[in-house]
Amino acid sequence: MSNVPQRLRELRKEAKLTQSDVAKFLNISESAYGYYEQGRNEISIGSVQKLAEKYNVSVGYILCETDEKQPYDSEAAFLAFANDPELQVFYKELPESDEEAVRRLRDIWEIIKHEKK
């Protein structure tokens, strides 16, 4: 498998886009995007998600977790989340939680999202 900067470059070139085009799409500077392709900075998960939708690939493909170019399907991802009974309980309880508990939950989620598998 290739590395993430190489994967970003390949996807951009396949889409016949310039670094400037992608930077504008992500609402960042051209140099910031260039640093992603050079491996000098790590791309944010939010940017990865946007690019997955734009290029019609999975987040896992961009992150080099797979070589399968499975299209990103936000509706299917949402339905999988919505139909999980354990997550439904969580979702129902969340609005009843105080602000501090919700803030802590977000902090924990950020840690989990960035853990290496």
C-alpha atoms as a PDB file:
ATOM      1  CA  MET A   1       0.000   0.000   0.000  1.00  0.00           C
ATOM      2  CA  SER A   2       1.078   3.552  -0.589  1.00  0.00           C
ATOM      3  CA  ASN A   3       1.397   6.231   2.041  1.00  0.00           C
ATOM      4  CA  VAL A   4      -1.231   8.926   2.665  1.00  0.00           C
ATOM      5  CA  PRO A   5       0.620  11.810   0.935  1.00  0.00           C
ATOM      6  CA  GLN A   6       1.118   9.633  -2.146  1.00  0.00           C
ATOM      7  CA  ARG A   7      -2.540   8.554  -2.065  1.00  0.00           C
ATOM      8  CA  LEU A   8      -3.675  12.211  -1.873  1.00  0.00           C
ATOM      9  CA  ARG A   9      -1.483  13.096  -4.849  1.00  0.00           C
ATOM     10  CA  GLU A  10      -2.743  10.122  -6.890  1.00  0.00           C
ATOM     11  CA  LEU A  11      -6.406  10.936  -6.222  1.00  0.00           C
ATOM     12  CA  ARG A  12      -5.908  14.599  -7.081  1.00  0.00           C
ATOM     13  CA  LYS A  13      -4.162  13.769 -10.337  1.00  0.00           C
ATOM     14  CA  GLU A  14      -6.788  11.160 -11.287  1.00  0.00           C
ATOM     15  CA  ALA A  15      -9.426  13.871 -10.799  1.00  0.00           C
ATOM     16  CA  LYS A  16      -7.336  16.222 -12.960  1.00  0.00           C
ATOM     17  CA  LEU A  17      -7.192  18.842 -10.209  1.00  0.00           C
ATOM     18  CA  THR A  18      -4.411  21.151  -9.137  1.00  0.00           C
ATOM     19  CA  GLN A  19      -3.241  21.569  -5.576  1.00  0.00           C
ATOM     20  CA  SER A  20      -4.869  24.991  -5.723  1.00  0.00           C
ATOM     21  CA  ASP A  21      -8.213  23.423  -6.709  1.00  0.00           C
ATOM     22  CA  VAL A  22      -8.133  21.029  -3.774  1.00  0.00           C
ATOM     23  CA  ALA A  23      -6.971  23.722  -1.351  1.00  0.00           C
ATOM     24  CA  LYS A  24      -9.910  25.925  -2.368  1.00  0.00           C
ATOM     25  CA  PHE A  25     -12.290  22.989  -1.933  1.00  0.00           C
ATOM     26  CA  LEU A  26     -10.925  22.371   1.577  1.00  0.00           C
ATOM     27  CA  ASN A  27     -10.866  26.105   2.335  1.00  0.00           C
ATOM     28  CA  ILE A  28      -7.154  26.066   3.190  1.00  0.00           C
ATOM     29  CA  SER A  29      -4.079  27.646   1.628  1.00  0.00           C
ATOM     30  CA  GLU A  30      -2.399  26.008  -1.329  1.00  0.00           C
ATOM     31  CA  SER A  31       0.800  25.611   0.676  1.00  0.00           C
ATOM     32  CA  ALA A  32      -1.105  23.902   3.512  1.00  0.00           C
ATOM     33  CA  TYR A  33      -2.498  21.377   1.048  1.00  0.00           C
ATOM     34  CA  GLY A  34       0.922  20.985  -0.567  1.00  0.00           C
ATOM     35  CA  TYR A  35       2.333  20.082   2.836  1.00  0.00           C
ATOM     36  CA  TYR A  36      -0.217  17.253   3.057  1.00  0.00           C
ATOM     37  CA  GLU A  37       1.032  15.805  -0.228  1.00  0.00           C
ATOM     38  CA  GLN A  38       4.648  16.240   0.885  1.00  0.00           C
ATOM     39  CA  GLY A  39       3.983  14.526   4.205  1.00  0.00           C
ATOM     40  CA  ARG A  40       5.104  17.603   6.124  1.00  0.00           C
ATOM     41  CA  ASN A  41       1.691  17.980   7.842  1.00  0.00           C
ATOM     42  CA  GLU A  42      -0.997  15.437   8.661  1.00  0.00           C
ATOM     43  CA  ILE A  43      -4.369  16.008   7.048  1.00  0.00           C
ATOM     44  CA  SER A  44      -7.324  16.481   9.400  1.00  0.00           C
ATOM     45  CA  ILE A  45     -10.040  13.846   9.545  1.00  0.00           C
ATOM     46  CA  GLY A  46     -12.561  16.476   8.443  1.00  0.00           C
ATOM     47  CA  SER A  47     -10.551  17.123   5.292  1.00  0.00           C
ATOM     48  CA  VAL A  48     -10.180  13.386   4.682  1.00  0.00           C
ATOM     49  CA  GLN A  49     -13.957  12.993   4.910  1.00  0.00           C
ATOM     50  CA  LYS A  50     -14.554  15.855   2.462  1.00  0.00           C
ATOM     51  CA  LEU A  51     -12.052  14.416  -0.004  1.00  0.00           C
ATOM     52  CA  ALA A  52     -13.544  10.927   0.322  1.00  0.00           C
ATOM     53  CA  GLU A  53     -16.886  12.351  -0.759  1.00  0.00           C
ATOM     54  CA  LYS A  54     -15.333  14.435  -3.544  1.00  0.00           C
ATOM     55  CA  TYR A  55     -13.298  11.552  -4.963  1.00  0.00           C
ATOM     56  CA  ASN A  56     -16.032   8.991  -4.266  1.00  0.00           C
ATOM     57  CA  VAL A  57     -13.758   6.717  -2.251  1.00  0.00           C
ATOM     58  CA  SER A  58     -13.730   5.501   1.328  1.00  0.00           C
ATOM     59  CA  VAL A  59     -11.935   7.277   4.131  1.00  0.00           C
ATOM     60  CA  GLY A  60     -10.026   4.027   4.634  1.00  0.00           C
ATOM     61  CA  TYR A  61      -8.738   4.222   1.065  1.00  0.00           C
ATOM     62  CA  ILE A  62      -7.359   7.737   1.573  1.00  0.00           C
ATOM     63  CA  LEU A  63      -5.773   6.672   4.872  1.00  0.00           C
ATOM     64  CA  CYS A  64      -4.199   3.621   3.169  1.00  0.00           C
ATOM     65  CA  GLU A  65      -6.083   1.195   5.405  1.00  0.00           C
ATOM     66  CA  THR A  66      -7.300  -0.539   2.248  1.00  0.00           C
ATOM     67  CA  ASP A  67      -6.592  -0.585  -1.457  1.00  0.00           C
ATOM     68  CA  GLU A  68     -10.303  -1.002  -2.202  1.00  0.00           C
ATOM     69  CA  LYS A  69     -11.819   2.183  -3.606  1.00  0.00           C
ATOM     70  CA  GLN A  70     -15.146   1.669  -1.902  1.00  0.00           C
ATOM     71  CA  PRO A  71     -17.275   4.735  -2.510  1.00  0.00           C
ATOM     72  CA  TYR A  72     -18.112   6.887   0.464  1.00  0.00           C
ATOM     73  CA  ASP A  73     -21.783   6.466   1.285  1.00  0.00           C
ATOM     74  CA  SER A  74     -22.776   8.875   4.047  1.00  0.00           C
ATOM     75  CA  GLU A  75     -26.383   7.674   4.022  1.00  0.00           C
ATOM     76  CA  ALA A  76     -25.344   4.049   4.536  1.00  0.00           C
ATOM     77  CA  ALA A  77     -22.950   5.096   7.293  1.00  0.00           C
ATOM     78  CA  PHE A  78     -25.705   7.040   9.015  1.00  0.00           C
ATOM     79  CA  LEU A  79     -28.172   4.156   8.698  1.00  0.00           C
ATOM     80  CA  ALA A  80     -25.635   1.737  10.160  1.00  0.00           C
ATOM     81  CA  PHE A  81     -25.213   4.120  13.092  1.00  0.00           C
ATOM     82  CA  ALA A  82     -28.951   4.741  13.455  1.00  0.00           C
ATOM     83  CA  ASN A  83     -29.798   1.026  13.435  1.00  0.00           C
ATOM     84  CA  ASP A  84     -27.298   0.016  16.112  1.00  0.00           C
ATOM     85  CA  PRO A  85     -29.378  -0.565  19.298  1.00  0.00           C
ATOM     86  CA  GLU A  86     -26.482   0.313  21.625  1.00  0.00           C
ATOM     87  CA  LEU A  87     -25.913   3.609  19.847  1.00  0.00           C
ATOM     88  CA  GLN A  88     -29.634   4.381  19.845  1.00  0.00           C
ATOM     89  CA  VAL A  89     -29.608   4.254  23.644  1.00  0.00           C
ATOM     90  CA  PHE A  90     -26.598   6.555  23.683  1.00  0.00           C
ATOM     91  CA  TYR A  91     -28.263   8.959  21.257  1.00  0.00           C
ATOM     92  CA  LYS A  92     -31.438   9.095  23.361  1.00  0.00           C
ATOM     93  CA  GLU A  93     -29.517   9.741  26.581  1.00  0.00           C
ATOM     94  CA  LEU A  94     -27.206  12.399  25.165  1.00  0.00           C
ATOM     95  CA  PRO A  95     -29.687  15.327  25.202  1.00  0.00           C
ATOM     96  CA  GLU A  96     -30.321  14.685  28.904  1.00  0.00           C
ATOM     97  CA  SER A  97     -26.613  15.023  29.737  1.00  0.00           C
ATOM     98  CA  ASP A  98     -25.137  18.207  31.162  1.00  0.00           C
ATOM     99  CA  GLU A  99     -22.788  20.384  29.087  1.00  0.00           C
ATOM    100  CA  GLU A 100     -19.676  19.210  30.931  1.00  0.00           C
ATOM    101  CA  ALA A 101     -20.461  15.546  30.230  1.00  0.00           C
ATOM    102  CA  VAL A 102     -21.022  16.287  26.523  1.00  0.00           C
ATOM    103  CA  ARG A 103     -17.752  18.262  26.360  1.00  0.00           C
ATOM    104  CA  ARG A 104     -15.874  15.367  27.997  1.00  0.00           C
ATOM    105  CA  LEU A 105     -17.485  12.916  25.595  1.00  0.00           C
ATOM    106  CA  ARG A 106     -16.318  15.020  22.630  1.00  0.00           C
ATOM    107  CA  ASP A 107     -12.784  15.119  24.081  1.00  0.00           C
ATOM    108  CA  ILE A 108     -12.792  11.327  24.465  1.00  0.00           C
ATOM    109  CA  TRP A 109     -14.081  10.913  20.907  1.00  0.00           C
ATOM    110  CA  GLU A 110     -11.254  13.092  19.576  1.00  0.00           C
ATOM    111  CA  ILE A 111      -8.739  10.853  21.331  1.00  0.00           C
ATOM    112  CA  ILE A 112     -10.356   7.713  19.940  1.00  0.00           C
ATOM    113  CA  LYS A 113     -10.491   9.110  16.378  1.00  0.00           C
ATOM    114  CA  HIS A 114      -6.773   9.759  16.376  1.00  0.00           C
ATOM    115  CA  GLU A 115      -5.632   6.451  17.874  1.00  0.00           C
ATOM    116  CA  LYS A 116      -3.590   4.270  15.564  1.00  0.00           C
ATOM    117  CA  LYS A 117      -4.966   0.771  15.033  1.00  0.00           C
END
